[in-house]
Amino acid sequence: MHRKLRLRNRKDFSRVYRGGRSFANSQVVVYWSKKHDIPQFRLGVSVSKKLGNAVVRNRMRRLLKEIVRLHADRIVDHTDLILIARMPSVRMSYQELERSVLHVLKKANLLKPRPTRPTS
């Protein structure tokens, strides 16, 4: 994930938490807020110490960032996102976690519609 596409400072996290909207499933929570002065989306990832030691938390952080990186072309622009991992996500496989993240992004209307293929 490029540095420009990351939420890093406390002020941005607080703005999204306070003024944004949230959607969740049992594995992942997404907070999001529109920000029209940025060209693309920006991502922040939060993993609590309740989920495990540093190795577990860093693995979850890497997995979530990788899922978003692979689907970056589908995520709407001008948006700040914060993904929060919940306890069940630690025991999930990559494919299950990917489905869960895409589900919560779709539920929040943060995925661009897929282009329809012409049938002929």
Protein backbone atom coordinates (compact mmCIF):
# COMPACT_ATOMS: atom_id res chain seq x y z
CA MET A 1 0.00 0.00 0.00
CA HIS A 2 1.47 3.35 -1.01
CA ARG A 3 2.13 5.90 1.72
CA LYS A 4 -0.31 8.33 0.10
CA LEU A 5 -3.09 5.76 0.45
CA ARG A 6 -2.68 5.28 4.20
CA LEU A 7 -4.34 7.01 7.12
CA ARG A 8 -1.60 7.57 9.63
CA ASN A 9 -2.29 10.41 12.02
CA ARG A 10 -4.66 10.50 14.96
CA LYS A 11 -6.56 13.52 13.61
CA ASP A 12 -7.69 11.62 10.50
CA PHE A 13 -8.67 8.53 12.50
CA SER A 14 -10.69 10.69 14.93
CA ARG A 15 -12.44 12.52 12.08
CA VAL A 16 -13.53 9.24 10.49
CA TYR A 17 -14.66 7.73 13.81
CA ARG A 18 -16.63 10.84 14.83
CA GLY A 19 -18.08 11.99 11.53
CA GLY A 20 -18.16 8.81 9.51
CA ARG A 21 -20.51 5.90 9.10
CA SER A 22 -19.88 2.29 10.00
CA PHE A 23 -20.93 -1.15 8.85
CA ALA A 24 -19.92 -4.47 10.32
CA ASN A 25 -20.19 -8.20 10.24
CA SER A 26 -18.92 -10.60 12.88
CA GLN A 27 -15.32 -10.52 11.57
CA VAL A 28 -14.66 -6.96 10.34
CA VAL A 29 -15.90 -3.41 10.97
CA VAL A 30 -15.47 -0.62 8.43
CA TYR A 31 -15.73 3.07 9.31
CA TRP A 32 -15.76 5.43 6.35
CA SER A 33 -16.08 9.10 5.59
CA LYS A 34 -16.10 11.06 2.34
CA LYS A 35 -13.18 13.43 1.79
CA HIS A 36 -13.39 15.22 -1.55
CA ASP A 37 -9.90 16.76 -1.55
CA ILE A 38 -8.15 13.39 -1.96
CA PRO A 39 -8.02 11.73 -5.38
CA GLN A 40 -8.32 8.10 -4.25
CA PHE A 41 -9.32 6.31 -1.08
CA ARG A 42 -7.10 6.12 2.00
CA LEU A 43 -6.96 3.16 4.37
CA GLY A 44 -6.27 2.78 8.06
CA VAL A 45 -6.21 -0.58 9.82
CA SER A 46 -6.83 -1.13 13.52
CA VAL A 47 -6.17 -4.42 15.31
CA SER A 48 -6.73 -4.57 19.07
CA LYS A 49 -4.38 -6.23 21.54
CA LYS A 50 -7.33 -8.43 22.48
CA LEU A 51 -6.78 -10.37 19.24
CA GLY A 52 -3.35 -11.66 20.20
CA ASN A 53 0.32 -10.87 20.46
CA ALA A 54 2.26 -8.64 18.05
CA VAL A 55 2.80 -11.45 15.55
CA VAL A 56 -0.94 -12.12 15.26
CA ARG A 57 -1.83 -8.42 15.08
CA ASN A 58 0.75 -7.66 12.41
CA ARG A 59 -0.38 -10.66 10.36
CA MET A 60 -3.98 -9.43 10.48
CA ARG A 61 -2.86 -5.94 9.49
CA ARG A 62 -0.88 -7.30 6.53
CA LEU A 63 -3.75 -9.52 5.38
CA LEU A 64 -6.30 -6.69 5.51
CA LYS A 65 -3.98 -4.32 3.62
CA GLU A 66 -3.30 -6.96 0.98
CA ILE A 67 -7.00 -7.63 0.45
CA VAL A 68 -7.65 -3.93 -0.04
CA ARG A 69 -4.61 -3.57 -2.32
CA LEU A 70 -5.83 -6.36 -4.60
CA HIS A 71 -9.31 -4.83 -4.83
CA ALA A 72 -8.24 -1.17 -4.89
CA ASP A 73 -9.65 -0.61 -8.37
CA ARG A 74 -13.14 -1.55 -7.08
CA ILE A 75 -13.17 0.77 -4.03
CA VAL A 76 -14.83 4.17 -4.45
CA ASP A 77 -12.62 7.27 -4.61
CA HIS A 78 -12.60 10.29 -2.27
CA THR A 79 -13.09 8.11 0.81
CA ASP A 80 -11.21 7.49 4.04
CA LEU A 81 -11.64 3.93 5.34
CA ILE A 82 -10.74 2.31 8.64
CA LEU A 83 -10.89 -1.48 8.86
CA ILE A 84 -11.08 -3.01 12.32
CA ALA A 85 -10.47 -6.73 12.79
CA ARG A 86 -12.65 -8.62 15.26
CA MET A 87 -11.78 -11.80 17.15
CA PRO A 88 -13.27 -14.39 14.71
CA SER A 89 -11.11 -13.02 11.87
CA VAL A 90 -7.95 -14.38 13.51
CA ARG A 91 -8.99 -17.98 12.88
CA MET A 92 -10.14 -17.45 9.29
CA SER A 93 -8.35 -18.46 6.12
CA TYR A 94 -7.30 -15.77 3.64
CA GLN A 95 -10.20 -16.58 1.29
CA GLU A 96 -12.76 -16.39 4.09
CA LEU A 97 -11.32 -13.09 5.33
CA GLU A 98 -11.33 -11.69 1.79
CA ARG A 99 -15.01 -12.62 1.36
CA SER A 100 -15.80 -11.03 4.71
CA VAL A 101 -14.02 -7.76 3.88
CA LEU A 102 -15.66 -7.54 0.45
CA HIS A 103 -19.03 -8.29 2.05
CA VAL A 104 -18.74 -5.44 4.54
CA LEU A 105 -17.46 -3.03 1.83
CA LYS A 106 -20.37 -3.98 -0.42
CA LYS A 107 -22.81 -3.55 2.47
CA ALA A 108 -21.43 -0.03 2.99
CA ASN A 109 -21.75 0.78 -0.76
CA LEU A 110 -17.99 1.32 -0.98
CA LEU A 111 -17.46 -0.93 -4.00
CA LYS A 112 -17.85 0.39 -7.52
CA PRO A 113 -20.37 -1.50 -9.62
CA ARG A 114 -18.78 -4.11 -11.84
CA PRO A 115 -18.83 -3.18 -15.50
CA THR A 116 -21.33 -5.23 -17.42
CA ARG A 117 -20.00 -7.22 -20.30
CA PRO A 118 -21.80 -6.81 -23.60
CA THR A 119 -23.49 -9.99 -24.68
CA SER A 120 -23.40 -10.72 -28.36
